[in-house]
Amino acid sequence: MSIEKQIMDFIVTTLLKKTDIHENITDTYPLIETGIIDSLGILKLLSFLEEKFNIHIMDEELIPENFDTVQSISSLIKGKIK
């Protein structure tokens, strides 16, 4: 399963509210801007990513640009597991 698919599955099953329409979410959908991911969501996502991919995300990497889309999250992960 691709990194993007694993991230998307986590977002859909863990972070989305029942009222959110997950069919509209793509790899480039703005997650922070649209409220899909909030501060608590980032903490949950961070925990998932570090455990799932056996990586450590540094404090200086915790910027909105790295977590705004599935694509940007995936790029961050791929850069760490080369």
N, C-alpha and C. Protein backbone atom coordinates (compact mmCIF):
# COMPACT_ATOMS: atom_id res chain seq x y z
N MET A 1 0.86 -1.17 0.00
CA MET A 1 0.00 0.00 0.00
C MET A 1 0.90 1.24 0.00
N SER A 2 0.56 2.21 -0.81
CA SER A 2 1.37 3.41 -0.92
C SER A 2 1.30 4.25 0.35
N ILE A 3 2.30 5.08 0.53
CA ILE A 3 2.33 5.99 1.68
C ILE A 3 1.11 6.90 1.65
N GLU A 4 0.80 7.43 0.48
CA GLU A 4 -0.34 8.32 0.35
C GLU A 4 -1.64 7.62 0.77
N LYS A 5 -1.82 6.38 0.36
CA LYS A 5 -3.03 5.62 0.69
C LYS A 5 -3.11 5.38 2.20
N GLN A 6 -1.99 5.06 2.82
CA GLN A 6 -1.99 4.82 4.27
C GLN A 6 -2.34 6.10 5.04
N ILE A 7 -1.80 7.23 4.58
CA ILE A 7 -2.11 8.52 5.21
C ILE A 7 -3.58 8.86 5.01
N MET A 8 -4.07 8.68 3.80
CA MET A 8 -5.47 8.99 3.49
C MET A 8 -6.40 8.11 4.33
N ASP A 9 -6.10 6.83 4.45
CA ASP A 9 -6.92 5.93 5.24
C ASP A 9 -6.97 6.39 6.70
N PHE A 10 -5.83 6.80 7.25
CA PHE A 10 -5.79 7.28 8.63
C PHE A 10 -6.65 8.53 8.79
N ILE A 11 -6.52 9.46 7.86
CA ILE A 11 -7.29 10.71 7.94
C ILE A 11 -8.78 10.41 7.87
N VAL A 12 -9.19 9.58 6.94
CA VAL A 12 -10.61 9.27 6.76
C VAL A 12 -11.18 8.52 7.96
N THR A 13 -10.44 7.57 8.50
CA THR A 13 -10.98 6.75 9.58
C THR A 13 -10.82 7.38 10.96
N THR A 14 -9.85 8.28 11.13
CA THR A 14 -9.55 8.80 12.46
C THR A 14 -9.87 10.28 12.63
N LEU A 15 -9.60 11.08 11.62
CA LEU A 15 -9.70 12.53 11.78
C LEU A 15 -10.97 13.16 11.25
N LEU A 16 -11.61 12.52 10.30
CA LEU A 16 -12.82 13.11 9.72
C LEU A 16 -14.01 12.98 10.64
N LYS A 17 -14.81 14.01 10.67
CA LYS A 17 -16.07 13.96 11.38
C LYS A 17 -17.09 13.30 10.46
N LYS A 18 -18.11 12.76 11.03
CA LYS A 18 -19.13 12.07 10.23
C LYS A 18 -19.76 12.99 9.18
N THR A 19 -19.72 14.30 9.44
CA THR A 19 -20.34 15.24 8.49
C THR A 19 -19.41 15.60 7.33
N ASP A 20 -18.12 15.29 7.45
CA ASP A 20 -17.19 15.59 6.37
C ASP A 20 -17.39 14.61 5.22
N ILE A 21 -17.25 15.10 4.03
CA ILE A 21 -17.42 14.26 2.84
C ILE A 21 -16.03 13.85 2.35
N HIS A 22 -15.64 12.62 2.64
CA HIS A 22 -14.28 12.17 2.31
C HIS A 22 -14.06 11.92 0.83
N GLU A 23 -15.11 11.81 0.05
CA GLU A 23 -14.93 11.58 -1.39
C GLU A 23 -14.26 12.78 -2.07
N ASN A 24 -14.40 13.96 -1.47
CA ASN A 24 -13.81 15.16 -2.05
C ASN A 24 -12.33 15.32 -1.73
N ILE A 25 -11.82 14.53 -0.82
CA ILE A 25 -10.44 14.69 -0.40
C ILE A 25 -9.51 13.96 -1.37
N THR A 26 -8.58 14.71 -1.91
CA THR A 26 -7.57 14.17 -2.82
C THR A 26 -6.20 14.36 -2.17
N ASP A 27 -5.16 13.92 -2.85
CA ASP A 27 -3.80 14.08 -2.33
C ASP A 27 -3.39 15.54 -2.20
N THR A 28 -4.06 16.43 -2.92
CA THR A 28 -3.70 17.86 -2.87
C THR A 28 -4.76 18.71 -2.17
N TYR A 29 -5.74 18.08 -1.55
CA TYR A 29 -6.80 18.79 -0.84
C TYR A 29 -6.21 19.47 0.39
N PRO A 30 -6.49 20.76 0.61
CA PRO A 30 -5.91 21.48 1.76
C PRO A 30 -6.54 21.05 3.10
N LEU A 31 -5.82 20.27 3.84
CA LEU A 31 -6.35 19.67 5.07
C LEU A 31 -6.44 20.65 6.23
N ILE A 32 -5.44 21.50 6.40
CA ILE A 32 -5.44 22.46 7.50
C ILE A 32 -6.40 23.61 7.20
N GLU A 33 -6.29 24.16 6.01
CA GLU A 33 -7.12 25.31 5.60
C GLU A 33 -8.61 25.01 5.70
N THR A 34 -8.99 23.77 5.41
CA THR A 34 -10.41 23.40 5.43
C THR A 34 -10.86 22.84 6.77
N GLY A 35 -9.94 22.75 7.73
CA GLY A 35 -10.29 22.29 9.06
C GLY A 35 -10.33 20.78 9.23
N ILE A 36 -9.94 20.03 8.23
CA ILE A 36 -9.89 18.58 8.36
C ILE A 36 -8.89 18.20 9.45
N ILE A 37 -7.74 18.88 9.46
CA ILE A 37 -6.73 18.66 10.49
C ILE A 37 -6.62 19.93 11.33
N ASP A 38 -6.83 19.77 12.64
CA ASP A 38 -6.63 20.87 13.57
C ASP A 38 -5.43 20.53 14.45
N SER A 39 -5.21 21.28 15.52
CA SER A 39 -4.02 21.05 16.35
C SER A 39 -4.03 19.65 16.99
N LEU A 40 -5.18 19.20 17.45
CA LEU A 40 -5.27 17.85 18.00
C LEU A 40 -5.07 16.80 16.91
N GLY A 41 -5.60 17.08 15.74
CA GLY A 41 -5.43 16.17 14.60
C GLY A 41 -3.97 16.03 14.20
N ILE A 42 -3.22 17.12 14.27
CA ILE A 42 -1.79 17.06 13.94
C ILE A 42 -1.08 16.15 14.93
N LEU A 43 -1.43 16.25 16.21
CA LEU A 43 -0.79 15.39 17.21
C LEU A 43 -1.11 13.91 16.96
N LYS A 44 -2.37 13.61 16.62
CA LYS A 44 -2.75 12.24 16.31
C LYS A 44 -2.03 11.74 15.07
N LEU A 45 -1.98 12.59 14.05
CA LEU A 45 -1.32 12.24 12.80
C LEU A 45 0.17 12.04 13.03
N LEU A 46 0.78 12.90 13.78
CA LEU A 46 2.21 12.80 14.09
C LEU A 46 2.52 11.47 14.77
N SER A 47 1.73 11.11 15.75
CA SER A 47 1.92 9.84 16.45
C SER A 47 1.79 8.66 15.48
N PHE A 48 0.76 8.71 14.63
CA PHE A 48 0.56 7.65 13.64
C PHE A 48 1.75 7.54 12.70
N LEU A 49 2.20 8.66 12.17
CA LEU A 49 3.30 8.64 11.19
C LEU A 49 4.59 8.11 11.80
N GLU A 50 4.90 8.56 13.00
CA GLU A 50 6.15 8.12 13.63
C GLU A 50 6.12 6.62 13.94
N GLU A 51 4.98 6.13 14.37
CA GLU A 51 4.86 4.71 14.67
C GLU A 51 4.81 3.86 13.41
N LYS A 52 3.98 4.27 12.47
CA LYS A 52 3.76 3.48 11.25
C LYS A 52 5.01 3.38 10.39
N PHE A 53 5.73 4.48 10.25
CA PHE A 53 6.88 4.51 9.34
C PHE A 53 8.22 4.48 10.08
N ASN A 54 8.17 4.31 11.41
CA ASN A 54 9.37 4.21 12.23
C ASN A 54 10.33 5.37 11.97
N ILE A 55 9.79 6.59 12.10
CA ILE A 55 10.56 7.80 11.88
C ILE A 55 10.38 8.73 13.07
N HIS A 56 11.17 9.78 13.09
CA HIS A 56 10.99 10.84 14.09
C HIS A 56 10.88 12.17 13.35
N ILE A 57 9.82 12.88 13.61
CA ILE A 57 9.61 14.19 12.99
C ILE A 57 10.08 15.24 13.98
N MET A 58 11.04 16.03 13.56
CA MET A 58 11.66 17.05 14.41
C MET A 58 10.70 18.23 14.61
N ASP A 59 10.89 18.93 15.73
CA ASP A 59 10.05 20.09 16.03
C ASP A 59 10.06 21.12 14.90
N GLU A 60 11.22 21.35 14.29
CA GLU A 60 11.31 22.35 13.23
C GLU A 60 10.60 21.91 11.94
N GLU A 61 10.22 20.64 11.86
CA GLU A 61 9.47 20.14 10.70
C GLU A 61 7.96 20.27 10.90
N LEU A 62 7.56 20.66 12.10
CA LEU A 62 6.13 20.79 12.41
C LEU A 62 5.62 22.15 11.96
N ILE A 63 5.61 22.33 10.65
CA ILE A 63 5.12 23.56 10.04
C ILE A 63 3.93 23.22 9.14
N PRO A 64 3.02 24.16 8.99
CA PRO A 64 1.82 23.87 8.18
C PRO A 64 2.11 23.34 6.78
N GLU A 65 3.17 23.82 6.17
CA GLU A 65 3.49 23.39 4.80
C GLU A 65 3.74 21.88 4.71
N ASN A 66 4.22 21.28 5.78
CA ASN A 66 4.50 19.84 5.77
C ASN A 66 3.27 18.98 6.04
N PHE A 67 2.18 19.60 6.48
CA PHE A 67 1.00 18.84 6.87
C PHE A 67 -0.29 19.31 6.20
N ASP A 68 -0.19 20.19 5.22
CA ASP A 68 -1.40 20.75 4.62
C ASP A 68 -2.10 19.84 3.63
N THR A 69 -1.36 18.93 3.00
CA THR A 69 -1.98 18.01 2.05
C THR A 69 -1.41 16.61 2.27
N VAL A 70 -2.11 15.61 1.79
CA VAL A 70 -1.58 14.24 1.85
C VAL A 70 -0.27 14.19 1.08
N GLN A 71 -0.19 14.91 -0.01
CA GLN A 71 1.02 14.94 -0.82
C GLN A 71 2.21 15.52 -0.04
N SER A 72 1.99 16.61 0.69
CA SER A 72 3.09 17.21 1.45
C SER A 72 3.50 16.32 2.63
N ILE A 73 2.55 15.66 3.25
CA ILE A 73 2.86 14.73 4.34
C ILE A 73 3.67 13.56 3.79
N SER A 74 3.25 13.04 2.66
CA SER A 74 3.95 11.94 2.02
C SER A 74 5.38 12.33 1.65
N SER A 75 5.58 13.52 1.14
CA SER A 75 6.92 13.99 0.78
C SER A 75 7.82 14.05 2.01
N LEU A 76 7.27 14.52 3.12
CA LEU A 76 8.02 14.57 4.37
C LEU A 76 8.45 13.16 4.78
N ILE A 77 7.53 12.22 4.72
CA ILE A 77 7.82 10.83 5.10
C ILE A 77 8.85 10.22 4.17
N LYS A 78 8.66 10.39 2.88
CA LYS A 78 9.59 9.81 1.90
C LYS A 78 11.00 10.35 2.09
N GLY A 79 11.12 11.62 2.47
CA GLY A 79 12.43 12.22 2.72
C GLY A 79 13.12 11.61 3.93
N LYS A 80 12.36 11.03 4.82
CA LYS A 80 12.92 10.46 6.05
C LYS A 80 13.23 8.97 5.92
N ILE A 81 12.61 8.28 4.98
CA ILE A 81 12.82 6.82 4.88
C ILE A 81 13.62 6.43 3.64
N LYS A 82 14.36 7.35 3.10
CA LYS A 82 15.16 7.05 1.90
C LYS A 82 16.09 5.90 2.13
